[in-house]
C-alpha atoms as a PDB file:
ATOM      1  CA  MET A   1      -0.012  -0.031  -0.040  1.00  0.00           C
ATOM      2  CA  THR A   2       1.280   3.384  -1.070  1.00  0.00           C
ATOM      3  CA  GLU A   3       1.472   6.269   1.400  1.00  0.00           C
ATOM      4  CA  GLN A   4      -1.216   8.209  -0.473  1.00  0.00           C
ATOM      5  CA  GLU A   5      -3.478   5.088  -0.387  1.00  0.00           C
ATOM      6  CA  GLU A   6      -2.872   4.415   3.387  1.00  0.00           C
ATOM      7  CA  ASN A   7      -3.704   8.317   4.047  1.00  0.00           C
ATOM      8  CA  ALA A   8      -6.777   7.933   2.210  1.00  0.00           C
ATOM      9  CA  VAL A   9      -7.628   4.771   4.221  1.00  0.00           C
ATOM     10  CA  THR A  10      -7.136   6.799   7.424  1.00  0.00           C
ATOM     11  CA  VAL A  11      -9.315   9.603   6.250  1.00  0.00           C
ATOM     12  CA  ALA A  12     -11.998   7.199   5.335  1.00  0.00           C
ATOM     13  CA  SER A  13     -11.508   5.447   8.868  1.00  0.00           C
ATOM     14  CA  ALA A  14     -12.027   8.747  10.483  1.00  0.00           C
ATOM     15  CA  GLU A  15     -15.613   8.985   8.936  1.00  0.00           C
ATOM     16  CA  SER A  16     -16.553   5.515  10.008  1.00  0.00           C
ATOM     17  CA  GLY A  17     -15.143   2.384  11.816  1.00  0.00           C
ATOM     18  CA  ASP A  18     -13.365   1.931  15.034  1.00  0.00           C
ATOM     19  CA  PRO A  19     -12.294   4.999  16.628  1.00  0.00           C
ATOM     20  CA  GLU A  20      -9.342   3.259  18.990  1.00  0.00           C
ATOM     21  CA  GLY A  21      -7.893   1.666  15.789  1.00  0.00           C
ATOM     22  CA  LEU A  22      -8.023   5.023  14.030  1.00  0.00           C
ATOM     23  CA  LEU A  23      -6.133   6.800  16.903  1.00  0.00           C
ATOM     24  CA  ALA A  24      -3.501   4.151  17.132  1.00  0.00           C
ATOM     25  CA  ARG A  25      -3.053   4.703  13.267  1.00  0.00           C
ATOM     26  CA  ILE A  26      -2.644   8.337  13.481  1.00  0.00           C
ATOM     27  CA  ALA A  27      -0.076   8.043  16.334  1.00  0.00           C
ATOM     28  CA  ARG A  28       1.889   5.678  14.189  1.00  0.00           C
ATOM     29  CA  GLN A  29       1.567   8.016  11.049  1.00  0.00           C
ATOM     30  CA  ARG A  30       2.528  11.043  13.407  1.00  0.00           C
ATOM     31  CA  ALA A  31       5.824   9.343  14.797  1.00  0.00           C
ATOM     32  CA  GLU A  32       6.643   8.217  11.315  1.00  0.00           C
ATOM     33  CA  LEU A  33       6.207  11.659   9.957  1.00  0.00           C
ATOM     34  CA  GLU A  34       8.357  13.208  13.106  1.00  0.00           C
ATOM     35  CA  ARG A  35      10.964  11.059  12.144  1.00  0.00           C
ATOM     36  CA  ALA A  36      11.001  11.622   8.212  1.00  0.00           C
ATOM     37  CA  GLU A  37      10.814  15.705   8.849  1.00  0.00           C
ATOM     38  CA  ALA A  38      13.857  15.374  11.251  1.00  0.00           C
ATOM     39  CA  ILE A  39      15.909  13.636   8.746  1.00  0.00           C
ATOM     40  CA  ALA A  40      14.861  16.061   5.997  1.00  0.00           C
ATOM     41  CA  VAL A  41      15.646  19.005   8.228  1.00  0.00           C
ATOM     42  CA  ARG A  42      19.217  17.481   8.647  1.00  0.00           C
ATOM     43  CA  ARG A  43      19.668  16.896   5.115  1.00  0.00           C
ATOM     44  CA  ALA A  44      18.620  20.344   4.252  1.00  0.00           C
ATOM     45  CA  ARG A  45      21.130  21.583   6.632  1.00  0.00           C
ATOM     46  CA  VAL A  46      23.909  19.654   5.505  1.00  0.00           C
ATOM     47  CA  ALA A  47      22.998  20.749   1.571  1.00  0.00           C
ATOM     48  CA  GLY A  48      23.337  24.411   3.027  1.00  0.00           C
ATOM     49  CA  LEU A  49      19.847  25.443   3.403  1.00  0.00           C
ATOM     50  CA  THR A  50      19.147  28.000   6.002  1.00  0.00           C
ATOM     51  CA  TRP A  51      16.910  27.861   9.029  1.00  0.00           C
ATOM     52  CA  GLN A  52      14.596  30.367   7.340  1.00  0.00           C
ATOM     53  CA  GLU A  53      14.480  28.433   4.128  1.00  0.00           C
ATOM     54  CA  ILE A  54      13.708  25.261   5.704  1.00  0.00           C
ATOM     55  CA  ALA A  55      10.908  27.029   8.077  1.00  0.00           C
ATOM     56  CA  MET A  56       9.245  28.271   4.815  1.00  0.00           C
ATOM     57  CA  ARG A  57       9.031  24.818   3.428  1.00  0.00           C
ATOM     58  CA  LEU A  58       7.523  23.532   6.797  1.00  0.00           C
ATOM     59  CA  GLY A  59       5.237  26.414   7.028  1.00  0.00           C
ATOM     60  CA  VAL A  60       6.419  27.257  10.487  1.00  0.00           C
ATOM     61  CA  THR A  61       8.701  29.974  11.827  1.00  0.00           C
ATOM     62  CA  LYS A  62      12.497  30.253  11.737  1.00  0.00           C
ATOM     63  CA  GLN A  63      12.492  30.283  15.811  1.00  0.00           C
ATOM     64  CA  ALA A  64      10.170  27.279  15.669  1.00  0.00           C
ATOM     65  CA  VAL A  65      12.271  24.955  13.375  1.00  0.00           C
ATOM     66  CA  HIS A  66      15.561  26.225  15.017  1.00  0.00           C
ATOM     67  CA  LYS A  67      14.240  25.557  18.695  1.00  0.00           C
ATOM     68  CA  ARG A  68      12.873  22.016  17.590  1.00  0.00           C
ATOM     69  CA  TYR A  69      15.948  21.002  15.412  1.00  0.00           C
ATOM     70  CA  GLY A  70      18.881  23.185  16.240  1.00  0.00           C
ATOM     71  CA  SER A  71      20.555  21.780  19.155  1.00  0.00           C
ATOM     72  CA  ARG A  72      20.753  18.324  17.365  1.00  0.00           C
END
């Protein structure tokens, strides 16, 4: 199942189905997304992107992205 298909299943499940299973799936997806974001930010910094450029692409402030990933 592709990521897009899995996301569609999650959205469909939100509209009907087991709420406990849905919450567990969302928690797993959130954890995966957070790991992916951390990797992407690290790679972006290695590639020379500024905190401002990374923040713009993530849709957050420079301060927020630096606070979250700056000390790693």
